[in-house]
PDB file of N, CA and C in Angstrom:
ATOM      1  N   MET A   1    -109.974 -70.341 -63.069  1.00  0.00           N
ATOM      2  CA  MET A   1    -108.875 -70.168 -64.426  1.00  0.00           C
ATOM      3  C   MET A   1    -108.629 -70.843 -64.484  1.00  0.00           C
ATOM      4  N   SER A   2    -107.861 -71.380 -64.843  1.00  0.00           N
ATOM      5  CA  SER A   2    -106.615 -72.889 -65.073  1.00  0.00           C
ATOM      6  C   SER A   2    -105.433 -71.350 -66.047  1.00  0.00           C
ATOM      7  N   TYR A   3    -103.684 -71.710 -66.160  1.00  0.00           N
ATOM      8  CA  TYR A   3    -103.854 -71.409 -67.265  1.00  0.00           C
ATOM      9  C   TYR A   3    -102.615 -72.276 -67.758  1.00  0.00           C
ATOM     10  N   GLY A   4    -102.729 -72.641 -69.472  1.00  0.00           N
ATOM     11  CA  GLY A   4    -102.038 -73.034 -69.841  1.00  0.00           C
ATOM     12  C   GLY A   4    -100.866 -73.192 -69.948  1.00  0.00           C
ATOM     13  N   ALA A   5    -100.416 -75.282 -70.407  1.00  0.00           N
ATOM     14  CA  ALA A   5     -99.173 -75.464 -70.136  1.00  0.00           C
ATOM     15  C   ALA A   5     -97.566 -74.146 -71.036  1.00  0.00           C
ATOM     16  N   GLY A   6     -98.246 -74.032 -71.928  1.00  0.00           N
ATOM     17  CA  GLY A   6     -97.350 -72.790 -72.603  1.00  0.00           C
ATOM     18  C   GLY A   6     -96.814 -71.343 -71.844  1.00  0.00           C
ATOM     19  N   GLY A   7     -97.813 -70.877 -71.577  1.00  0.00           N
ATOM     20  CA  GLY A   7     -97.766 -70.139 -70.396  1.00  0.00           C
ATOM     21  C   GLY A   7     -96.693 -70.002 -68.756  1.00  0.00           C
ATOM     22  N   ASP A   8     -97.227 -71.441 -68.126  1.00  0.00           N
ATOM     23  CA  ASP A   8     -95.908 -71.963 -67.323  1.00  0.00           C
ATOM     24  C   ASP A   8     -94.314 -71.757 -68.053  1.00  0.00           C
ATOM     25  N   VAL A   9     -94.776 -72.635 -69.189  1.00  0.00           N
ATOM     26  CA  VAL A   9     -92.929 -72.661 -68.925  1.00  0.00           C
ATOM     27  C   VAL A   9     -92.708 -70.918 -69.844  1.00  0.00           C
ATOM     28  N   LYS A  10     -93.791 -69.871 -70.739  1.00  0.00           N
ATOM     29  CA  LYS A  10     -92.666 -68.867 -70.940  1.00  0.00           C
ATOM     30  C   LYS A  10     -92.665 -68.160 -69.349  1.00  0.00           C
ATOM     31  N   LEU A  11     -93.486 -67.976 -69.257  1.00  0.00           N
ATOM     32  CA  LEU A  11     -93.065 -67.549 -67.721  1.00  0.00           C
ATOM     33  C   LEU A  11     -91.548 -67.665 -67.302  1.00  0.00           C
ATOM     34  N   PHE A  12     -91.850 -69.223 -66.593  1.00  0.00           N
ATOM     35  CA  PHE A  12     -89.821 -70.135 -65.990  1.00  0.00           C
ATOM     36  C   PHE A  12     -89.042 -69.800 -67.249  1.00  0.00           C
ATOM     37  N   VAL A  13     -89.527 -69.496 -68.851  1.00  0.00           N
ATOM     38  CA  VAL A  13     -87.503 -69.306 -69.156  1.00  0.00           C
ATOM     39  C   VAL A  13     -87.232 -67.019 -68.540  1.00  0.00           C
ATOM     40  N   VAL A  14     -88.937 -66.940 -68.582  1.00  0.00           N
ATOM     41  CA  VAL A  14     -88.562 -65.099 -68.411  1.00  0.00           C
ATOM     42  C   VAL A  14     -88.226 -65.591 -67.190  1.00  0.00           C
ATOM     43  N   VAL A  15     -88.285 -65.803 -66.548  1.00  0.00           N
ATOM     44  CA  VAL A  15     -87.724 -65.802 -64.632  1.00  0.00           C
ATOM     45  C   VAL A  15     -85.991 -65.991 -65.473  1.00  0.00           C
ATOM     46  N   ALA A  16     -86.002 -67.035 -65.616  1.00  0.00           N
ATOM     47  CA  ALA A  16     -84.182 -68.168 -65.688  1.00  0.00           C
ATOM     48  C   ALA A  16     -83.493 -66.567 -66.440  1.00  0.00           C
ATOM     49  N   VAL A  17     -84.265 -65.766 -67.439  1.00  0.00           N
ATOM     50  CA  VAL A  17     -83.199 -65.193 -68.430  1.00  0.00           C
ATOM     51  C   VAL A  17     -83.420 -64.024 -67.618  1.00  0.00           C
ATOM     52  N   VAL A  18     -84.107 -63.958 -66.308  1.00  0.00           N
ATOM     53  CA  VAL A  18     -84.054 -62.744 -65.240  1.00  0.00           C
ATOM     54  C   VAL A  18     -83.100 -62.639 -64.220  1.00  0.00           C
ATOM     55  N   ILE A  19     -82.457 -63.807 -63.881  1.00  0.00           N
ATOM     56  CA  ILE A  19     -82.110 -64.503 -63.030  1.00  0.00           C
ATOM     57  C   ILE A  19     -80.196 -64.714 -63.479  1.00  0.00           C
ATOM     58  N   VAL A  20     -80.181 -65.162 -64.967  1.00  0.00           N
ATOM     59  CA  VAL A  20     -78.773 -65.077 -65.670  1.00  0.00           C
ATOM     60  C   VAL A  20     -78.717 -64.202 -65.587  1.00  0.00           C
ATOM     61  N   ALA A  21     -79.683 -63.149 -66.068  1.00  0.00           N
ATOM     62  CA  ALA A  21     -79.184 -61.844 -66.128  1.00  0.00           C
ATOM     63  C   ALA A  21     -78.657 -60.413 -65.354  1.00  0.00           C
ATOM     64  N   VAL A  22     -79.365 -61.170 -64.583  1.00  0.00           N
ATOM     65  CA  VAL A  22     -79.019 -60.003 -62.874  1.00  0.00           C
ATOM     66  C   VAL A  22     -77.286 -61.018 -62.464  1.00  0.00           C
ATOM     67  N   GLY A  23     -77.428 -62.152 -62.565  1.00  0.00           N
ATOM     68  CA  GLY A  23     -75.792 -63.298 -61.531  1.00  0.00           C
ATOM     69  C   GLY A  23     -74.950 -62.335 -62.692  1.00  0.00           C
ATOM     70  N   ALA A  24     -75.243 -62.678 -64.265  1.00  0.00           N
ATOM     71  CA  ALA A  24     -73.349 -61.812 -64.671  1.00  0.00           C
ATOM     72  C   ALA A  24     -73.879 -60.306 -65.092  1.00  0.00           C
ATOM     73  N   LEU A  25     -74.498 -59.704 -64.966  1.00  0.00           N
ATOM     74  CA  LEU A  25     -74.138 -58.730 -64.738  1.00  0.00           C
ATOM     75  C   LEU A  25     -74.002 -57.695 -63.109  1.00  0.00           C
ATOM     76  N   THR A  26     -73.943 -59.169 -61.649  1.00  0.00           N
ATOM     77  CA  THR A  26     -72.792 -58.833 -60.485  1.00  0.00           C
ATOM     78  C   THR A  26     -71.536 -59.590 -60.976  1.00  0.00           C
ATOM     79  N   LEU A  27     -71.882 -60.224 -61.560  1.00  0.00           N
ATOM     80  CA  LEU A  27     -70.121 -60.927 -61.786  1.00  0.00           C
ATOM     81  C   LEU A  27     -69.702 -59.700 -62.647  1.00  0.00           C
ATOM     82  N   LEU A  28     -69.785 -59.026 -63.167  1.00  0.00           N
ATOM     83  CA  LEU A  28     -69.537 -58.367 -64.233  1.00  0.00           C
ATOM     84  C   LEU A  28     -68.638 -57.938 -63.343  1.00  0.00           C
ATOM     85  N   PHE A  29     -69.478 -57.197 -63.252  1.00  0.00           N
ATOM     86  CA  PHE A  29     -69.696 -55.623 -61.964  1.00  0.00           C
ATOM     87  C   PHE A  29     -69.801 -55.336 -60.469  1.00  0.00           C
ATOM     88  N   GLY A  30     -69.306 -56.987 -59.859  1.00  0.00           N
ATOM     89  CA  GLY A  30     -69.306 -56.972 -58.122  1.00  0.00           C
ATOM     90  C   GLY A  30     -67.453 -57.255 -58.611  1.00  0.00           C
ATOM     91  N   ALA A  31     -67.373 -57.277 -59.279  1.00  0.00           N
ATOM     92  CA  ALA A  31     -65.777 -57.587 -59.248  1.00  0.00           C
ATOM     93  C   ALA A  31     -64.946 -56.136 -58.705  1.00  0.00           C
ATOM     94  N   PRO A  32     -64.695 -55.549 -59.484  1.00  0.00           N
ATOM     95  CA  PRO A  32     -64.416 -53.776 -58.849  1.00  0.00           C
ATOM     96  C   PRO A  32     -64.564 -53.535 -57.155  1.00  0.00           C
ATOM     97  N   ILE A  33     -66.192 -53.955 -56.715  1.00  0.00           N
ATOM     98  CA  ILE A  33     -66.604 -53.537 -55.637  1.00  0.00           C
ATOM     99  C   ILE A  33     -66.275 -53.893 -55.471  1.00  0.00           C
ATOM    100  N   VAL A  34     -65.773 -55.585 -55.023  1.00  0.00           N
ATOM    101  CA  VAL A  34     -65.758 -56.600 -53.648  1.00  0.00           C
ATOM    102  C   VAL A  34     -64.466 -55.823 -54.123  1.00  0.00           C
ATOM    103  N   GLU A  35     -63.017 -55.087 -54.624  1.00  0.00           N
ATOM    104  CA  GLU A  35     -61.784 -55.345 -54.690  1.00  0.00           C
ATOM    105  C   GLU A  35     -61.307 -53.793 -54.404  1.00  0.00           C
ATOM    106  N   GLY A  36     -62.543 -53.055 -53.656  1.00  0.00           N
ATOM    107  CA  GLY A  36     -62.584 -51.465 -53.041  1.00  0.00           C
ATOM    108  C   GLY A  36     -62.729 -51.527 -51.840  1.00  0.00           C
ATOM    109  N   VAL A  37     -63.812 -53.118 -51.481  1.00  0.00           N
ATOM    110  CA  VAL A  37     -64.095 -52.664 -50.229  1.00  0.00           C
ATOM    111  C   VAL A  37     -62.896 -53.701 -49.282  1.00  0.00           C
ATOM    112  N   THR A  38     -62.798 -54.408 -50.503  1.00  0.00           N
ATOM    113  CA  THR A  38     -61.443 -55.632 -49.066  1.00  0.00           C
ATOM    114  C   THR A  38     -60.031 -54.581 -48.257  1.00  0.00           C
ATOM    115  N   GLY A  39     -60.649 -53.093 -49.066  1.00  0.00           N
ATOM    116  CA  GLY A  39     -59.331 -52.369 -47.666  1.00  0.00           C
ATOM    117  C   GLY A  39     -60.512 -51.913 -46.307  1.00  0.00           C
ATOM    118  N   ILE A  40     -61.812 -51.571 -46.225  1.00  0.00           N
ATOM    119  CA  ILE A  40     -62.343 -52.012 -45.011  1.00  0.00           C
ATOM    120  C   ILE A  40     -61.550 -52.906 -43.915  1.00  0.00           C
ATOM    121  N   PHE A  41     -61.341 -54.728 -44.122  1.00  0.00           N
ATOM    122  CA  PHE A  41     -61.499 -54.985 -43.656  1.00  0.00           C
ATOM    123  C   PHE A  41     -59.459 -55.584 -43.184  1.00  0.00           C
ATOM    124  N   GLU A  42     -59.513 -54.000 -43.374  1.00  0.00           N
ATOM    125  CA  GLU A  42     -58.078 -54.241 -42.853  1.00  0.00           C
ATOM    126  C   GLU A  42     -57.825 -54.111 -41.675  1.00  0.00           C
ATOM    127  N   PRO A  43     -56.347 -54.703 -40.616  1.00  0.00           N
ATOM    128  CA  PRO A  43     -57.196 -54.928 -38.850  1.00  0.00           C
ATOM    129  C   PRO A  43     -57.519 -53.225 -38.846  1.00  0.00           C
ATOM    130  N   GLY A  44     -57.577 -53.901 -36.927  1.00  0.00           N
ATOM    131  CA  GLY A  44     -58.478 -52.691 -36.871  1.00  0.00           C
ATOM    132  C   GLY A  44     -57.157 -51.945 -34.931  1.00  0.00           C
ATOM    133  N   ILE A  45     -58.684 -52.274 -34.431  1.00  0.00           N
ATOM    134  CA  ILE A  45     -57.528 -51.455 -33.636  1.00  0.00           C
ATOM    135  C   ILE A  45     -57.577 -52.641 -32.422  1.00  0.00           C
ATOM    136  N   GLY A  46     -58.282 -53.288 -32.159  1.00  0.00           N
ATOM    137  CA  GLY A  46     -58.647 -55.298 -31.726  1.00  0.00           C
ATOM    138  C   GLY A  46     -59.297 -55.197 -31.132  1.00  0.00           C
ATOM    139  N   LEU A  47     -59.264 -56.163 -30.327  1.00  0.00           N
ATOM    140  CA  LEU A  47     -59.909 -57.016 -28.621  1.00  0.00           C
ATOM    141  C   LEU A  47     -59.990 -55.387 -27.566  1.00  0.00           C
ATOM    142  N   LYS A  48     -58.841 -55.801 -27.301  1.00  0.00           N
ATOM    143  CA  LYS A  48     -58.870 -55.533 -25.909  1.00  0.00           C
ATOM    144  C   LYS A  48     -58.416 -54.029 -25.810  1.00  0.00           C
ATOM    145  N   THR A  49     -58.984 -53.127 -27.061  1.00  0.00           N
ATOM    146  CA  THR A  49     -58.846 -51.728 -27.067  1.00  0.00           C
ATOM    147  C   THR A  49     -60.551 -51.464 -26.990  1.00  0.00           C
ATOM    148  N   ALA A  50     -60.575 -52.367 -27.845  1.00  0.00           N
ATOM    149  CA  ALA A  50     -62.421 -52.320 -28.157  1.00  0.00           C
ATOM    150  C   ALA A  50     -62.656 -52.461 -26.764  1.00  0.00           C
ATOM    151  N   ALA A  51     -62.827 -53.413 -26.315  1.00  0.00           N
ATOM    152  CA  ALA A  51     -63.215 -53.902 -24.404  1.00  0.00           C
ATOM    153  C   ALA A  51     -62.752 -52.162 -24.113  1.00  0.00           C
ATOM    154  N   ILE A  52     -61.623 -51.985 -23.675  1.00  0.00           N
ATOM    155  CA  ILE A  52     -60.928 -50.641 -22.648  1.00  0.00           C
ATOM    156  C   ILE A  52     -62.689 -49.615 -23.612  1.00  0.00           C
ATOM    157  N   TRP A  53     -62.350 -49.130 -24.980  1.00  0.00           N
ATOM    158  CA  TRP A  53     -63.770 -47.755 -25.187  1.00  0.00           C
ATOM    159  C   TRP A  53     -65.044 -49.094 -24.895  1.00  0.00           C
ATOM    160  N   SER A  54     -65.417 -49.658 -24.945  1.00  0.00           N
ATOM    161  CA  SER A  54     -66.870 -50.245 -24.536  1.00  0.00           C
ATOM    162  C   SER A  54     -66.284 -50.054 -22.843  1.00  0.00           C
ATOM    163  N   PHE A  55     -66.073 -51.088 -22.303  1.00  0.00           N
ATOM    164  CA  PHE A  55     -66.558 -49.914 -20.577  1.00  0.00           C
ATOM    165  C   PHE A  55     -66.841 -49.238 -20.682  1.00  0.00           C
ATOM    166  N   PHE A  56     -66.001 -47.960 -20.303  1.00  0.00           N
ATOM    167  CA  PHE A  56     -66.136 -47.041 -20.283  1.00  0.00           C
ATOM    168  C   PHE A  56     -67.206 -46.142 -21.159  1.00  0.00           C
ATOM    169  N   LEU A  57     -68.142 -46.642 -22.466  1.00  0.00           N
ATOM    170  CA  LEU A  57     -69.419 -46.535 -23.288  1.00  0.00           C
ATOM    171  C   LEU A  57     -70.385 -46.813 -22.422  1.00  0.00           C
ATOM    172  N   THR A  58     -70.412 -48.349 -22.126  1.00  0.00           N
ATOM    173  CA  THR A  58     -71.435 -48.997 -21.272  1.00  0.00           C
ATOM    174  C   THR A  58     -71.625 -48.272 -20.155  1.00  0.00           C
ATOM    175  N   VAL A  59     -69.763 -47.749 -18.648  1.00  0.00           N
ATOM    176  CA  VAL A  59     -71.041 -47.410 -17.219  1.00  0.00           C
ATOM    177  C   VAL A  59     -71.569 -45.526 -18.381  1.00  0.00           C
ATOM    178  N   ALA A  60     -71.501 -44.466 -19.203  1.00  0.00           N
ATOM    179  CA  ALA A  60     -71.967 -43.654 -19.398  1.00  0.00           C
ATOM    180  C   ALA A  60     -73.608 -44.132 -19.682  1.00  0.00           C
ATOM    181  N   VAL A  61     -73.698 -44.834 -20.715  1.00  0.00           N
ATOM    182  CA  VAL A  61     -75.003 -45.329 -20.806  1.00  0.00           C
ATOM    183  C   VAL A  61     -75.755 -45.440 -20.260  1.00  0.00           C
ATOM    184  N   MET A  62     -75.081 -46.690 -18.868  1.00  0.00           N
ATOM    185  CA  MET A  62     -75.755 -47.048 -17.182  1.00  0.00           C
ATOM    186  C   MET A  62     -75.897 -46.251 -16.792  1.00  0.00           C
ATOM    187  N   VAL A  63     -75.244 -45.392 -16.487  1.00  0.00           N
ATOM    188  CA  VAL A  63     -75.909 -43.656 -15.993  1.00  0.00           C
ATOM    189  C   VAL A  63     -77.111 -42.911 -16.250  1.00  0.00           C
ATOM    190  N   VAL A  64     -76.917 -42.743 -17.913  1.00  0.00           N
ATOM    191  CA  VAL A  64     -78.014 -42.354 -18.278  1.00  0.00           C
ATOM    192  C   VAL A  64     -78.622 -43.178 -17.970  1.00  0.00           C
ATOM    193  N   PHE A  65     -78.743 -44.077 -18.090  1.00  0.00           N
ATOM    194  CA  PHE A  65     -80.469 -45.237 -17.823  1.00  0.00           C
ATOM    195  C   PHE A  65     -79.925 -44.956 -16.030  1.00  0.00           C
ATOM    196  N   ALA A  66     -79.614 -44.808 -15.508  1.00  0.00           N
ATOM    197  CA  ALA A  66     -79.924 -45.308 -13.698  1.00  0.00           C
ATOM    198  C   ALA A  66     -80.956 -43.558 -13.858  1.00  0.00           C
ATOM    199  N   LEU A  67     -80.366 -42.740 -14.689  1.00  0.00           N
ATOM    200  CA  LEU A  67     -80.714 -41.473 -14.071  1.00  0.00           C
ATOM    201  C   LEU A  67     -82.382 -41.390 -14.125  1.00  0.00           C
ATOM    202  N   VAL A  68     -82.028 -42.041 -15.631  1.00  0.00           N
ATOM    203  CA  VAL A  68     -83.902 -41.176 -16.916  1.00  0.00           C
ATOM    204  C   VAL A  68     -84.435 -42.453 -15.903  1.00  0.00           C
ATOM    205  N   ALA A  69     -84.494 -43.375 -14.859  1.00  0.00           N
ATOM    206  CA  ALA A  69     -84.468 -44.763 -14.424  1.00  0.00           C
ATOM    207  C   ALA A  69     -86.808 -44.300 -13.652  1.00  0.00           C
ATOM    208  N   GLY A  70     -86.225 -43.453 -12.923  1.00  0.00           N
ATOM    209  CA  GLY A  70     -87.210 -42.818 -11.788  1.00  0.00           C
ATOM    210  C   GLY A  70     -87.142 -43.725 -10.049  1.00  0.00           C
ATOM    211  N   ASP A  71     -86.698 -45.144 -11.065  1.00  0.00           N
ATOM    212  CA  ASP A  71     -86.860 -45.906  -9.264  1.00  0.00           C
ATOM    213  C   ASP A  71     -86.098 -46.037  -8.383  1.00  0.00           C
ATOM    214  N   SER A  72     -84.412 -44.609  -9.173  1.00  0.00           N
ATOM    215  CA  SER A  72     -83.007 -45.082  -8.073  1.00  0.00           C
ATOM    216  C   SER A  72     -82.639 -46.039  -8.911  1.00  0.00           C
ATOM    217  N   LEU A  73     -81.547 -46.435  -8.524  1.00  0.00           N
ATOM    218  CA  LEU A  73     -80.162 -47.204  -8.834  1.00  0.00           C
ATOM    219  C   LEU A  73     -80.436 -48.870  -7.762  1.00  0.00           C
ATOM    220  N   ILE A  74     -80.578 -48.179  -6.568  1.00  0.00           N
ATOM    221  CA  ILE A  74     -81.021 -49.446  -6.973  1.00  0.00           C
ATOM    222  C   ILE A  74     -82.178 -50.344  -6.445  1.00  0.00           C
ATOM    223  N   GLY A  75     -83.381 -50.140  -7.089  1.00  0.00           N
ATOM    224  CA  GLY A  75     -84.735 -50.487  -7.769  1.00  0.00           C
ATOM    225  C   GLY A  75     -84.122 -51.055  -8.996  1.00  0.00           C
ATOM    226  N   GLU A  76     -83.236 -50.879  -9.952  1.00  0.00           N
ATOM    227  CA  GLU A  76     -83.136 -51.091 -10.444  1.00  0.00           C
ATOM    228  C   GLU A  76     -82.105 -52.058 -10.781  1.00  0.00           C
ATOM    229  N   ILE A  77     -81.134 -52.780 -10.269  1.00  0.00           N
ATOM    230  CA  ILE A  77     -80.345 -52.879  -9.631  1.00  0.00           C
ATOM    231  C   ILE A  77     -79.993 -54.828 -10.979  1.00  0.00           C
ATOM    232  N   GLN A  78     -80.729 -54.935 -10.768  1.00  0.00           N
ATOM    233  CA  GLN A  78     -80.494 -56.325 -11.839  1.00  0.00           C
ATOM    234  C   GLN A  78     -80.983 -56.604 -11.877  1.00  0.00           C
ATOM    235  N   PHE A  79     -81.536 -55.275 -13.042  1.00  0.00           N
ATOM    236  CA  PHE A  79     -81.744 -55.182 -14.625  1.00  0.00           C
ATOM    237  C   PHE A  79     -80.348 -54.400 -15.325  1.00  0.00           C
ATOM    238  N   MET A  80     -79.637 -53.912 -14.429  1.00  0.00           N
ATOM    239  CA  MET A  80     -78.153 -53.107 -14.535  1.00  0.00           C
ATOM    240  C   MET A  80     -77.424 -53.748 -15.056  1.00  0.00           C
ATOM    241  N   ILE A  81     -77.687 -55.276 -14.028  1.00  0.00           N
ATOM    242  CA  ILE A  81     -76.396 -55.472 -14.379  1.00  0.00           C
ATOM    243  C   ILE A  81     -76.352 -56.346 -15.757  1.00  0.00           C
ATOM    244  N   GLY A  82     -77.258 -57.168 -15.303  1.00  0.00           N
ATOM    245  CA  GLY A  82     -77.438 -58.064 -16.711  1.00  0.00           C
ATOM    246  C   GLY A  82     -77.290 -56.963 -17.658  1.00  0.00           C
ATOM    247  N   GLY A  83     -78.476 -54.998 -18.332  1.00  0.00           N
ATOM    248  CA  GLY A  83     -78.114 -54.508 -19.217  1.00  0.00           C
ATOM    249  C   GLY A  83     -76.017 -54.248 -18.936  1.00  0.00           C
ATOM    250  N   PHE A  84     -75.518 -54.160 -18.255  1.00  0.00           N
ATOM    251  CA  PHE A  84     -74.249 -53.830 -18.202  1.00  0.00           C
ATOM    252  C   PHE A  84     -73.562 -54.527 -19.278  1.00  0.00           C
ATOM    253  N   PHE A  85     -73.682 -55.921 -18.567  1.00  0.00           N
ATOM    254  CA  PHE A  85     -72.662 -57.102 -19.521  1.00  0.00           C
ATOM    255  C   PHE A  85     -73.995 -56.953 -20.954  1.00  0.00           C
ATOM    256  N   SER A  86     -74.001 -57.231 -20.972  1.00  0.00           N
ATOM    257  CA  SER A  86     -74.706 -57.059 -22.893  1.00  0.00           C
ATOM    258  C   SER A  86     -73.950 -55.675 -23.424  1.00  0.00           C
ATOM    259  N   PHE A  87     -74.783 -54.895 -22.590  1.00  0.00           N
ATOM    260  CA  PHE A  87     -73.927 -53.515 -23.116  1.00  0.00           C
ATOM    261  C   PHE A  87     -72.235 -54.148 -23.845  1.00  0.00           C
ATOM    262  N   PHE A  88     -71.349 -54.566 -22.908  1.00  0.00           N
ATOM    263  CA  PHE A  88     -70.851 -54.474 -23.098  1.00  0.00           C
ATOM    264  C   PHE A  88     -70.029 -56.028 -23.461  1.00  0.00           C
ATOM    265  N   PHE A  89     -70.604 -56.562 -24.277  1.00  0.00           N
ATOM    266  CA  PHE A  89     -70.749 -57.589 -24.834  1.00  0.00           C
ATOM    267  C   PHE A  89     -70.850 -56.559 -26.089  1.00  0.00           C
ATOM    268  N   MET A  90     -72.095 -56.427 -25.775  1.00  0.00           N
ATOM    269  CA  MET A  90     -72.049 -55.742 -27.759  1.00  0.00           C
ATOM    270  C   MET A  90     -71.165 -54.822 -28.689  1.00  0.00           C
ATOM    271  N   PHE A  91     -71.022 -53.193 -27.893  1.00  0.00           N
ATOM    272  CA  PHE A  91     -69.700 -52.987 -28.386  1.00  0.00           C
ATOM    273  C   PHE A  91     -68.813 -53.497 -27.766  1.00  0.00           C
ATOM    274  N   THR A  92     -67.495 -54.206 -27.356  1.00  0.00           N
ATOM    275  CA  THR A  92     -67.043 -54.905 -27.980  1.00  0.00           C
ATOM    276  C   THR A  92     -67.171 -54.977 -29.041  1.00  0.00           C
ATOM    277  N   VAL A  93     -67.456 -55.703 -29.146  1.00  0.00           N
ATOM    278  CA  VAL A  93     -67.474 -56.574 -31.037  1.00  0.00           C
ATOM    279  C   VAL A  93     -67.851 -55.965 -31.603  1.00  0.00           C
ATOM    280  N   LEU A  94     -68.580 -54.597 -32.013  1.00  0.00           N
ATOM    281  CA  LEU A  94     -68.613 -53.445 -32.092  1.00  0.00           C
ATOM    282  C   LEU A  94     -68.121 -52.266 -32.476  1.00  0.00           C
ATOM    283  N   ILE A  95     -67.383 -52.352 -32.042  1.00  0.00           N
ATOM    284  CA  ILE A  95     -65.950 -51.264 -31.136  1.00  0.00           C
ATOM    285  C   ILE A  95     -65.399 -52.031 -32.158  1.00  0.00           C
ATOM    286  N   ALA A  96     -64.887 -53.073 -32.331  1.00  0.00           N
ATOM    287  CA  ALA A  96     -64.124 -54.267 -32.449  1.00  0.00           C
ATOM    288  C   ALA A  96     -64.166 -53.795 -34.038  1.00  0.00           C
ATOM    289  N   TRP A  97     -64.875 -54.655 -34.774  1.00  0.00           N
ATOM    290  CA  TRP A  97     -65.225 -54.751 -36.287  1.00  0.00           C
ATOM    291  C   TRP A  97     -65.389 -53.562 -36.609  1.00  0.00           C
ATOM    292  N   VAL A  98     -65.706 -52.422 -36.240  1.00  0.00           N
ATOM    293  CA  VAL A  98     -66.234 -51.343 -37.429  1.00  0.00           C
ATOM    294  C   VAL A  98     -64.650 -50.207 -37.254  1.00  0.00           C
ATOM    295  N   PHE A  99     -64.317 -50.268 -35.724  1.00  0.00           N
ATOM    296  CA  PHE A  99     -63.114 -49.524 -36.279  1.00  0.00           C
ATOM    297  C   PHE A  99     -61.735 -50.757 -36.655  1.00  0.00           C
TER     298      PHE A  99
END
């Protein structure tokens, strides 16, 4: 069962009209939304302050992980060091980005 050439052209035209309509609506209604969102990206606390906050947050998370690990701190230290630096980097960037 194959579709005729007319069916493919009609489908293409319908899809193209929908894409153009969605694009036009996005441009029409999107501009006021973008103006409102730009206030979110004003300067925040910066990386230095975020690094301080993320250090203490990371230490608290690592203490909780060590308490619930079951093998004590010594048995998990090689994983805790890598996890510390991963969490520290992630928390620093996310805190600086959000705040």
